[in-house]
Amino acid sequence: MSKVLIISGHPDISHSTANRIILEEVVTMNRVVAIDIMKNYTGGEFDIKADQRMLLDAGLIIFQFPFIWYGLASHVKRWIENVFSYGFAFGPGGIS
């Protein structure tokens, strides 16, 4: 099985019930890696290159976050817009 990458986008995982418990359980499984984008979001910036490398290394990518009014939380949307950028996810040189 390829590596499974879980992108956790809960705004405050320590105060979550379902998302926290699910995340705690699945990371004990073999070849499962999770990143908390809120912990990696420092000074208003993401480590885009590091996150892109993790995405390329994964065989399966799972996004885990609470829906807020049936949409993405603003930080999850910002992460996707920054990491899945032109030249990486699409456009010339992209993986699309």
PDB file of N, CA and C in Angstrom:
ATOM      1  N   MET A   1       0.841  -1.188   0.000  1.00  0.00           N
ATOM      2  CA  MET A   1       0.000   0.000   0.000  1.00  0.00           C
ATOM      3  C   MET A   1       0.879   1.241   0.000  1.00  0.00           C
ATOM      4  N   SER A   2       0.499   2.228  -0.776  1.00  0.00           N
ATOM      5  CA  SER A   2       1.213   3.501  -0.804  1.00  0.00           C
ATOM      6  C   SER A   2       0.954   4.287   0.466  1.00  0.00           C
ATOM      7  N   LYS A   3       1.771   5.310   0.658  1.00  0.00           N
ATOM      8  CA  LYS A   3       1.594   6.164   1.826  1.00  0.00           C
ATOM      9  C   LYS A   3       0.300   6.952   1.722  1.00  0.00           C
ATOM     10  N   VAL A   4      -0.417   7.041   2.832  1.00  0.00           N
ATOM     11  CA  VAL A   4      -1.650   7.811   2.925  1.00  0.00           C
ATOM     12  C   VAL A   4      -1.319   9.106   3.659  1.00  0.00           C
ATOM     13  N   LEU A   5      -1.658  10.228   3.048  1.00  0.00           N
ATOM     14  CA  LEU A   5      -1.427  11.534   3.648  1.00  0.00           C
ATOM     15  C   LEU A   5      -2.764  12.144   4.027  1.00  0.00           C
ATOM     16  N   ILE A   6      -2.921  12.477   5.296  1.00  0.00           N
ATOM     17  CA  ILE A   6      -4.142  13.126   5.770  1.00  0.00           C
ATOM     18  C   ILE A   6      -3.821  14.582   6.033  1.00  0.00           C
ATOM     19  N   ILE A   7      -4.559  15.457   5.378  1.00  0.00           N
ATOM     20  CA  ILE A   7      -4.419  16.898   5.566  1.00  0.00           C
ATOM     21  C   ILE A   7      -5.508  17.303   6.552  1.00  0.00           C
ATOM     22  N   SER A   8      -5.105  17.621   7.778  1.00  0.00           N
ATOM     23  CA  SER A   8      -6.063  18.030   8.803  1.00  0.00           C
ATOM     24  C   SER A   8      -6.182  19.544   8.799  1.00  0.00           C
ATOM     25  N   GLY A   9      -7.414  20.014   8.621  1.00  0.00           N
ATOM     26  CA  GLY A   9      -7.635  21.447   8.546  1.00  0.00           C
ATOM     27  C   GLY A   9      -8.591  21.960   9.598  1.00  0.00           C
ATOM     28  N   HIS A  10      -8.685  21.262  10.727  1.00  0.00           N
ATOM     29  CA  HIS A  10      -9.566  21.741  11.792  1.00  0.00           C
ATOM     30  C   HIS A  10      -8.966  23.003  12.399  1.00  0.00           C
ATOM     31  N   PRO A  11      -9.758  24.057  12.606  1.00  0.00           N
ATOM     32  CA  PRO A  11      -9.203  25.302  13.141  1.00  0.00           C
ATOM     33  C   PRO A  11      -8.681  25.183  14.572  1.00  0.00           C
ATOM     34  N   ASP A  12      -9.209  24.229  15.344  1.00  0.00           N
ATOM     35  CA  ASP A  12      -8.735  24.015  16.721  1.00  0.00           C
ATOM     36  C   ASP A  12      -8.977  22.563  17.099  1.00  0.00           C
ATOM     37  N   ILE A  13      -8.095  21.687  16.632  1.00  0.00           N
ATOM     38  CA  ILE A  13      -8.267  20.242  16.794  1.00  0.00           C
ATOM     39  C   ILE A  13      -8.357  19.831  18.264  1.00  0.00           C
ATOM     40  N   SER A  14      -7.758  20.582  19.167  1.00  0.00           N
ATOM     41  CA  SER A  14      -7.800  20.217  20.585  1.00  0.00           C
ATOM     42  C   SER A  14      -9.208  20.332  21.164  1.00  0.00           C
ATOM     43  N   HIS A  15     -10.073  21.128  20.544  1.00  0.00           N
ATOM     44  CA  HIS A  15     -11.451  21.265  21.016  1.00  0.00           C
ATOM     45  C   HIS A  15     -12.452  20.492  20.160  1.00  0.00           C
ATOM     46  N   SER A  16     -11.948  19.648  19.304  1.00  0.00           N
ATOM     47  CA  SER A  16     -12.809  18.829  18.458  1.00  0.00           C
ATOM     48  C   SER A  16     -13.120  17.517  19.167  1.00  0.00           C
ATOM     49  N   THR A  17     -14.243  16.944  18.848  1.00  0.00           N
ATOM     50  CA  THR A  17     -14.549  15.608  19.357  1.00  0.00           C
ATOM     51  C   THR A  17     -14.302  14.602  18.249  1.00  0.00           C
ATOM     52  N   ALA A  18     -15.115  14.630  17.219  1.00  0.00           N
ATOM     53  CA  ALA A  18     -15.022  13.627  16.155  1.00  0.00           C
ATOM     54  C   ALA A  18     -13.724  13.724  15.365  1.00  0.00           C
ATOM     55  N   ASN A  19     -13.377  14.905  14.886  1.00  0.00           N
ATOM     56  CA  ASN A  19     -12.176  15.037  14.057  1.00  0.00           C
ATOM     57  C   ASN A  19     -10.919  14.618  14.812  1.00  0.00           C
ATOM     58  N   ARG A  20     -10.808  14.999  16.073  1.00  0.00           N
ATOM     59  CA  ARG A  20      -9.625  14.652  16.875  1.00  0.00           C
ATOM     60  C   ARG A  20      -9.532  13.148  17.079  1.00  0.00           C
ATOM     61  N   ILE A  21     -10.631  12.507  17.446  1.00  0.00           N
ATOM     62  CA  ILE A  21     -10.619  11.063  17.701  1.00  0.00           C
ATOM     63  C   ILE A  21     -10.294  10.290  16.427  1.00  0.00           C
ATOM     64  N   ILE A  22     -10.900  10.672  15.331  1.00  0.00           N
ATOM     65  CA  ILE A  22     -10.615  10.004  14.050  1.00  0.00           C
ATOM     66  C   ILE A  22      -9.134  10.134  13.711  1.00  0.00           C
ATOM     67  N   LEU A  23      -8.605  11.326  13.828  1.00  0.00           N
ATOM     68  CA  LEU A  23      -7.204  11.567  13.494  1.00  0.00           C
ATOM     69  C   LEU A  23      -6.264  10.771  14.399  1.00  0.00           C
ATOM     70  N   GLU A  24      -6.557  10.744  15.690  1.00  0.00           N
ATOM     71  CA  GLU A  24      -5.719   9.991  16.627  1.00  0.00           C
ATOM     72  C   GLU A  24      -5.695   8.502  16.291  1.00  0.00           C
ATOM     73  N   GLU A  25      -6.801   7.971  15.818  1.00  0.00           N
ATOM     74  CA  GLU A  25      -6.869   6.545  15.484  1.00  0.00           C
ATOM     75  C   GLU A  25      -6.161   6.215  14.176  1.00  0.00           C
ATOM     76  N   VAL A  26      -6.401   6.987  13.145  1.00  0.00           N
ATOM     77  CA  VAL A  26      -5.850   6.626  11.838  1.00  0.00           C
ATOM     78  C   VAL A  26      -4.342   6.793  11.756  1.00  0.00           C
ATOM     79  N   VAL A  27      -3.769   7.709  12.524  1.00  0.00           N
ATOM     80  CA  VAL A  27      -2.312   7.877  12.449  1.00  0.00           C
ATOM     81  C   VAL A  27      -1.563   6.708  13.078  1.00  0.00           C
ATOM     82  N   THR A  28      -2.265   5.833  13.805  1.00  0.00           N
ATOM     83  CA  THR A  28      -1.612   4.639  14.351  1.00  0.00           C
ATOM     84  C   THR A  28      -1.487   3.541  13.306  1.00  0.00           C
ATOM     85  N   MET A  29      -2.164   3.717  12.169  1.00  0.00           N
ATOM     86  CA  MET A  29      -2.126   2.708  11.106  1.00  0.00           C
ATOM     87  C   MET A  29      -0.823   2.811  10.326  1.00  0.00           C
ATOM     88  N   ASN A  30      -0.416   1.695   9.785  1.00  0.00           N
ATOM     89  CA  ASN A  30       0.813   1.620   9.002  1.00  0.00           C
ATOM     90  C   ASN A  30       0.722   2.491   7.759  1.00  0.00           C
ATOM     91  N   ARG A  31       1.759   3.246   7.492  1.00  0.00           N
ATOM     92  CA  ARG A  31       1.920   4.076   6.298  1.00  0.00           C
ATOM     93  C   ARG A  31       0.933   5.238   6.211  1.00  0.00           C
ATOM     94  N   VAL A  32       0.412   5.670   7.358  1.00  0.00           N
ATOM     95  CA  VAL A  32      -0.471   6.837   7.397  1.00  0.00           C
ATOM     96  C   VAL A  32       0.274   7.985   8.058  1.00  0.00           C
ATOM     97  N   VAL A  33       0.290   9.124   7.381  1.00  0.00           N
ATOM     98  CA  VAL A  33       0.942  10.327   7.885  1.00  0.00           C
ATOM     99  C   VAL A  33      -0.099  11.434   7.877  1.00  0.00           C
ATOM    100  N   ALA A  34      -0.104  12.241   8.922  1.00  0.00           N
ATOM    101  CA  ALA A  34      -1.043  13.363   8.984  1.00  0.00           C
ATOM    102  C   ALA A  34      -0.285  14.656   9.220  1.00  0.00           C
ATOM    103  N   ILE A  35      -0.751  15.709   8.568  1.00  0.00           N
ATOM    104  CA  ILE A  35      -0.211  17.036   8.858  1.00  0.00           C
ATOM    105  C   ILE A  35      -1.372  17.925   9.279  1.00  0.00           C
ATOM    106  N   ASP A  36      -1.114  18.759  10.243  1.00  0.00           N
ATOM    107  CA  ASP A  36      -2.092  19.729  10.721  1.00  0.00           C
ATOM    108  C   ASP A  36      -1.702  21.068  10.125  1.00  0.00           C
ATOM    109  N   ILE A  37      -2.459  21.526   9.141  1.00  0.00           N
ATOM    110  CA  ILE A  37      -2.054  22.755   8.463  1.00  0.00           C
ATOM    111  C   ILE A  37      -2.116  23.970   9.377  1.00  0.00           C
ATOM    112  N   MET A  38      -2.893  23.911  10.452  1.00  0.00           N
ATOM    113  CA  MET A  38      -2.930  25.023  11.397  1.00  0.00           C
ATOM    114  C   MET A  38      -1.612  25.119  12.177  1.00  0.00           C
ATOM    115  N   LYS A  39      -0.996  23.977  12.491  1.00  0.00           N
ATOM    116  CA  LYS A  39       0.293  23.997  13.203  1.00  0.00           C
ATOM    117  C   LYS A  39       1.410  24.480  12.279  1.00  0.00           C
ATOM    118  N   ASN A  40       1.272  24.196  10.989  1.00  0.00           N
ATOM    119  CA  ASN A  40       2.289  24.599  10.027  1.00  0.00           C
ATOM    120  C   ASN A  40       2.079  26.020   9.522  1.00  0.00           C
ATOM    121  N   TYR A  41       0.985  26.638   9.921  1.00  0.00           N
ATOM    122  CA  TYR A  41       0.634  27.989   9.464  1.00  0.00           C
ATOM    123  C   TYR A  41       1.184  28.998  10.453  1.00  0.00           C
ATOM    124  N   THR A  42       2.405  29.454  10.184  1.00  0.00           N
ATOM    125  CA  THR A  42       3.053  30.373  11.116  1.00  0.00           C
ATOM    126  C   THR A  42       3.371  31.684  10.419  1.00  0.00           C
ATOM    127  N   GLY A  43       3.128  32.756  11.097  1.00  0.00           N
ATOM    128  CA  GLY A  43       3.424  34.065  10.538  1.00  0.00           C
ATOM    129  C   GLY A  43       2.616  34.390   9.297  1.00  0.00           C
ATOM    130  N   GLY A  44       1.451  33.767   9.159  1.00  0.00           N
ATOM    131  CA  GLY A  44       0.601  34.036   8.011  1.00  0.00           C
ATOM    132  C   GLY A  44       1.027  33.344   6.736  1.00  0.00           C
ATOM    133  N   GLU A  45       1.974  32.404   6.822  1.00  0.00           N
ATOM    134  CA  GLU A  45       2.472  31.715   5.633  1.00  0.00           C
ATOM    135  C   GLU A  45       2.507  30.211   5.854  1.00  0.00           C
ATOM    136  N   PHE A  46       2.305  29.469   4.787  1.00  0.00           N
ATOM    137  CA  PHE A  46       2.453  28.013   4.798  1.00  0.00           C
ATOM    138  C   PHE A  46       3.830  27.672   4.236  1.00  0.00           C
ATOM    139  N   ASP A  47       4.336  26.491   4.562  1.00  0.00           N
ATOM    140  CA  ASP A  47       5.569  25.999   3.950  1.00  0.00           C
ATOM    141  C   ASP A  47       5.161  25.275   2.669  1.00  0.00           C
ATOM    142  N   ILE A  48       4.949  26.028   1.632  1.00  0.00           N
ATOM    143  CA  ILE A  48       4.355  25.518   0.405  1.00  0.00           C
ATOM    144  C   ILE A  48       5.199  24.418  -0.228  1.00  0.00           C
ATOM    145  N   LYS A  49       6.490  24.621  -0.337  1.00  0.00           N
ATOM    146  CA  LYS A  49       7.362  23.623  -0.973  1.00  0.00           C
ATOM    147  C   LYS A  49       7.360  22.306  -0.192  1.00  0.00           C
ATOM    148  N   ALA A  50       7.402  22.370   1.132  1.00  0.00           N
ATOM    149  CA  ALA A  50       7.382  21.155   1.950  1.00  0.00           C
ATOM    150  C   ALA A  50       6.050  20.424   1.781  1.00  0.00           C
ATOM    151  N   ASP A  51       4.955  21.166   1.770  1.00  0.00           N
ATOM    152  CA  ASP A  51       3.643  20.544   1.602  1.00  0.00           C
ATOM    153  C   ASP A  51       3.497  19.934   0.212  1.00  0.00           C
ATOM    154  N   GLN A  52       4.032  20.585  -0.810  1.00  0.00           N
ATOM    155  CA  GLN A  52       3.999  20.027  -2.166  1.00  0.00           C
ATOM    156  C   GLN A  52       4.797  18.731  -2.250  1.00  0.00           C
ATOM    157  N   ARG A  53       5.952  18.687  -1.582  1.00  0.00           N
ATOM    158  CA  ARG A  53       6.750  17.453  -1.570  1.00  0.00           C
ATOM    159  C   ARG A  53       5.975  16.313  -0.914  1.00  0.00           C
ATOM    160  N   MET A  54       5.271  16.608   0.195  1.00  0.00           N
ATOM    161  CA  MET A  54       4.480  15.573   0.860  1.00  0.00           C
ATOM    162  C   MET A  54       3.352  15.069  -0.041  1.00  0.00           C
ATOM    163  N   LEU A  55       2.718  15.979  -0.767  1.00  0.00           N
ATOM    164  CA  LEU A  55       1.647  15.577  -1.685  1.00  0.00           C
ATOM    165  C   LEU A  55       2.178  14.659  -2.780  1.00  0.00           C
ATOM    166  N   LEU A  56       3.336  14.994  -3.330  1.00  0.00           N
ATOM    167  CA  LEU A  56       3.925  14.177  -4.392  1.00  0.00           C
ATOM    168  C   LEU A  56       4.336  12.798  -3.895  1.00  0.00           C
ATOM    169  N   ASP A  57       4.680  12.696  -2.629  1.00  0.00           N
ATOM    170  CA  ASP A  57       5.125  11.435  -2.041  1.00  0.00           C
ATOM    171  C   ASP A  57       3.964  10.524  -1.641  1.00  0.00           C
ATOM    172  N   ALA A  58       2.759  11.054  -1.625  1.00  0.00           N
ATOM    173  CA  ALA A  58       1.605  10.282  -1.159  1.00  0.00           C
ATOM    174  C   ALA A  58       0.950   9.500  -2.292  1.00  0.00           C
ATOM    175  N   GLY A  59       0.458   8.326  -1.934  1.00  0.00           N
ATOM    176  CA  GLY A  59      -0.318   7.528  -2.880  1.00  0.00           C
ATOM    177  C   GLY A  59      -1.803   7.850  -2.788  1.00  0.00           C
ATOM    178  N   LEU A  60      -2.224   8.330  -1.620  1.00  0.00           N
ATOM    179  CA  LEU A  60      -3.615   8.692  -1.371  1.00  0.00           C
ATOM    180  C   LEU A  60      -3.636   9.914  -0.473  1.00  0.00           C
ATOM    181  N   ILE A  61      -4.453  10.893  -0.822  1.00  0.00           N
ATOM    182  CA  ILE A  61      -4.549  12.124  -0.038  1.00  0.00           C
ATOM    183  C   ILE A  61      -5.974  12.253   0.473  1.00  0.00           C
ATOM    184  N   ILE A  62      -6.102  12.463   1.781  1.00  0.00           N
ATOM    185  CA  ILE A  62      -7.404  12.623   2.418  1.00  0.00           C
ATOM    186  C   ILE A  62      -7.438  13.975   3.107  1.00  0.00           C
ATOM    187  N   PHE A  63      -8.484  14.737   2.845  1.00  0.00           N
ATOM    188  CA  PHE A  63      -8.686  16.005   3.535  1.00  0.00           C
ATOM    189  C   PHE A  63      -9.678  15.775   4.661  1.00  0.00           C
ATOM    190  N   GLN A  64      -9.332  16.238   5.857  1.00  0.00           N
ATOM    191  CA  GLN A  64     -10.210  16.100   7.018  1.00  0.00           C
ATOM    192  C   GLN A  64     -10.381  17.481   7.650  1.00  0.00           C
ATOM    193  N   PHE A  65     -11.594  17.974   7.629  1.00  0.00           N
ATOM    194  CA  PHE A  65     -11.874  19.289   8.213  1.00  0.00           C
ATOM    195  C   PHE A  65     -13.376  19.415   8.409  1.00  0.00           C
ATOM    196  N   PRO A  66     -13.788  20.250   9.331  1.00  0.00           N
ATOM    197  CA  PRO A  66     -15.228  20.464   9.504  1.00  0.00           C
ATOM    198  C   PRO A  66     -15.754  21.416   8.429  1.00  0.00           C
ATOM    199  N   PHE A  67     -16.952  21.147   7.954  1.00  0.00           N
ATOM    200  CA  PHE A  67     -17.599  22.083   7.033  1.00  0.00           C
ATOM    201  C   PHE A  67     -18.126  23.259   7.839  1.00  0.00           C
ATOM    202  N   ILE A  68     -17.902  24.435   7.340  1.00  0.00           N
ATOM    203  CA  ILE A  68     -18.399  25.641   7.990  1.00  0.00           C
ATOM    204  C   ILE A  68     -19.388  26.274   7.025  1.00  0.00           C
ATOM    205  N   TRP A  69     -20.632  26.232   7.367  1.00  0.00           N
ATOM    206  CA  TRP A  69     -21.703  26.693   6.493  1.00  0.00           C
ATOM    207  C   TRP A  69     -21.576  26.030   5.122  1.00  0.00           C
ATOM    208  N   TYR A  70     -21.330  24.718   5.129  1.00  0.00           N
ATOM    209  CA  TYR A  70     -21.227  23.899   3.927  1.00  0.00           C
ATOM    210  C   TYR A  70     -20.086  24.309   3.011  1.00  0.00           C
ATOM    211  N   GLY A  71     -19.070  24.878   3.558  1.00  0.00           N
ATOM    212  CA  GLY A  71     -17.914  25.270   2.760  1.00  0.00           C
ATOM    213  C   GLY A  71     -16.624  24.996   3.508  1.00  0.00           C
ATOM    214  N   LEU A  72     -15.534  25.336   2.874  1.00  0.00           N
ATOM    215  CA  LEU A  72     -14.215  25.181   3.480  1.00  0.00           C
ATOM    216  C   LEU A  72     -13.959  26.299   4.488  1.00  0.00           C
ATOM    217  N   ALA A  73     -13.269  25.959   5.545  1.00  0.00           N
ATOM    218  CA  ALA A  73     -12.788  26.997   6.454  1.00  0.00           C
ATOM    219  C   ALA A  73     -11.798  27.861   5.669  1.00  0.00           C
ATOM    220  N   SER A  74     -11.697  29.127   6.018  1.00  0.00           N
ATOM    221  CA  SER A  74     -10.871  30.049   5.235  1.00  0.00           C
ATOM    222  C   SER A  74      -9.409  29.608   5.152  1.00  0.00           C
ATOM    223  N   HIS A  75      -8.861  29.055   6.235  1.00  0.00           N
ATOM    224  CA  HIS A  75      -7.454  28.639   6.204  1.00  0.00           C
ATOM    225  C   HIS A  75      -7.250  27.420   5.310  1.00  0.00           C
ATOM    226  N   VAL A  76      -8.243  26.531   5.219  1.00  0.00           N
ATOM    227  CA  VAL A  76      -8.132  25.365   4.332  1.00  0.00           C
ATOM    228  C   VAL A  76      -8.187  25.830   2.879  1.00  0.00           C
ATOM    229  N   LYS A  77      -9.097  26.739   2.581  1.00  0.00           N
ATOM    230  CA  LYS A  77      -9.193  27.293   1.225  1.00  0.00           C
ATOM    231  C   LYS A  77      -7.891  27.994   0.843  1.00  0.00           C
ATOM    232  N   ARG A  78      -7.331  28.769   1.762  1.00  0.00           N
ATOM    233  CA  ARG A  78      -6.075  29.475   1.505  1.00  0.00           C
ATOM    234  C   ARG A  78      -4.939  28.477   1.263  1.00  0.00           C
ATOM    235  N   TRP A  79      -4.899  27.391   2.052  1.00  0.00           N
ATOM    236  CA  TRP A  79      -3.860  26.375   1.892  1.00  0.00           C
ATOM    237  C   TRP A  79      -3.957  25.744   0.504  1.00  0.00           C
ATOM    238  N   ILE A  80      -5.170  25.358   0.107  1.00  0.00           N
ATOM    239  CA  ILE A  80      -5.366  24.740  -1.206  1.00  0.00           C
ATOM    240  C   ILE A  80      -4.952  25.705  -2.316  1.00  0.00           C
ATOM    241  N   GLU A  81      -5.366  26.944  -2.218  1.00  0.00           N
ATOM    242  CA  GLU A  81      -5.026  27.929  -3.248  1.00  0.00           C
ATOM    243  C   GLU A  81      -3.521  28.159  -3.352  1.00  0.00           C
ATOM    244  N   ASN A  82      -2.818  28.100  -2.227  1.00  0.00           N
ATOM    245  CA  ASN A  82      -1.371  28.331  -2.237  1.00  0.00           C
ATOM    246  C   ASN A  82      -0.585  27.098  -2.644  1.00  0.00           C
ATOM    247  N   VAL A  83      -0.960  25.937  -2.133  1.00  0.00           N
ATOM    248  CA  VAL A  83      -0.184  24.720  -2.378  1.00  0.00           C
ATOM    249  C   VAL A  83      -0.462  24.143  -3.768  1.00  0.00           C
ATOM    250  N   PHE A  84      -1.717  24.118  -4.174  1.00  0.00           N
ATOM    251  CA  PHE A  84      -2.075  23.610  -5.495  1.00  0.00           C
ATOM    252  C   PHE A  84      -1.958  24.747  -6.515  1.00  0.00           C
ATOM    253  N   SER A  85      -0.785  25.250  -6.660  1.00  0.00           N
ATOM    254  CA  SER A  85      -0.534  26.471  -7.433  1.00  0.00           C
ATOM    255  C   SER A  85      -0.225  26.177  -8.906  1.00  0.00           C
ATOM    256  N   TYR A  86      -0.262  27.253  -9.691  1.00  0.00           N
ATOM    257  CA  TYR A  86       0.100  27.214 -11.097  1.00  0.00           C
ATOM    258  C   TYR A  86       1.555  26.764 -11.216  1.00  0.00           C
ATOM    259  N   GLY A  87       1.803  25.808 -12.069  1.00  0.00           N
ATOM    260  CA  GLY A  87       3.153  25.272 -12.224  1.00  0.00           C
ATOM    261  C   GLY A  87       3.400  24.053 -11.359  1.00  0.00           C
ATOM    262  N   PHE A  88       2.536  23.827 -10.368  1.00  0.00           N
ATOM    263  CA  PHE A  88       2.628  22.612  -9.558  1.00  0.00           C
ATOM    264  C   PHE A  88       1.448  21.696  -9.865  1.00  0.00           C
ATOM    265  N   ALA A  89       0.243  22.174  -9.639  1.00  0.00           N
ATOM    266  CA  ALA A  89      -0.947  21.352  -9.824  1.00  0.00           C
ATOM    267  C   ALA A  89      -1.547  21.477 -11.215  1.00  0.00           C
ATOM    268  N   PHE A  90      -1.241  22.561 -11.903  1.00  0.00           N
ATOM    269  CA  PHE A  90      -1.781  22.779 -13.243  1.00  0.00           C
ATOM    270  C   PHE A  90      -0.889  23.758 -13.977  1.00  0.00           C
ATOM    271  N   GLY A  91      -1.142  23.899 -15.277  1.00  0.00           N
ATOM    272  CA  GLY A  91      -0.331  24.794 -16.091  1.00  0.00           C
ATOM    273  C   GLY A  91       0.959  24.127 -16.527  1.00  0.00           C
ATOM    274  N   PRO A  92       1.812  24.873 -17.248  1.00  0.00           N
ATOM    275  CA  PRO A  92       3.091  24.319 -17.710  1.00  0.00           C
ATOM    276  C   PRO A  92       3.923  23.808 -16.536  1.00  0.00           C
ATOM    277  N   GLY A  93       4.381  22.569 -16.658  1.00  0.00           N
ATOM    278  CA  GLY A  93       5.203  21.975 -15.603  1.00  0.00           C
ATOM    279  C   GLY A  93       4.394  21.374 -14.470  1.00  0.00           C
ATOM    280  N   GLY A  94       3.083  21.548 -14.499  1.00  0.00           N
ATOM    281  CA  GLY A  94       2.228  21.017 -13.441  1.00  0.00           C
ATOM    282  C   GLY A  94       2.030  19.517 -13.564  1.00  0.00           C
ATOM    283  N   ILE A  95       1.515  18.910 -12.496  1.00  0.00           N
ATOM    284  CA  ILE A  95       1.335  17.461 -12.463  1.00  0.00           C
ATOM    285  C   ILE A  95       0.021  17.005 -13.063  1.00  0.00           C
ATOM    286  N   SER A  96      -0.772  17.931 -13.564  1.00  0.00           N
ATOM    287  CA  SER A  96      -2.106  17.572 -14.058  1.00  0.00           C
ATOM    288  C   SER A  96      -2.110  16.678 -15.242  1.00  0.00           C
TER     289      SER A  96
END
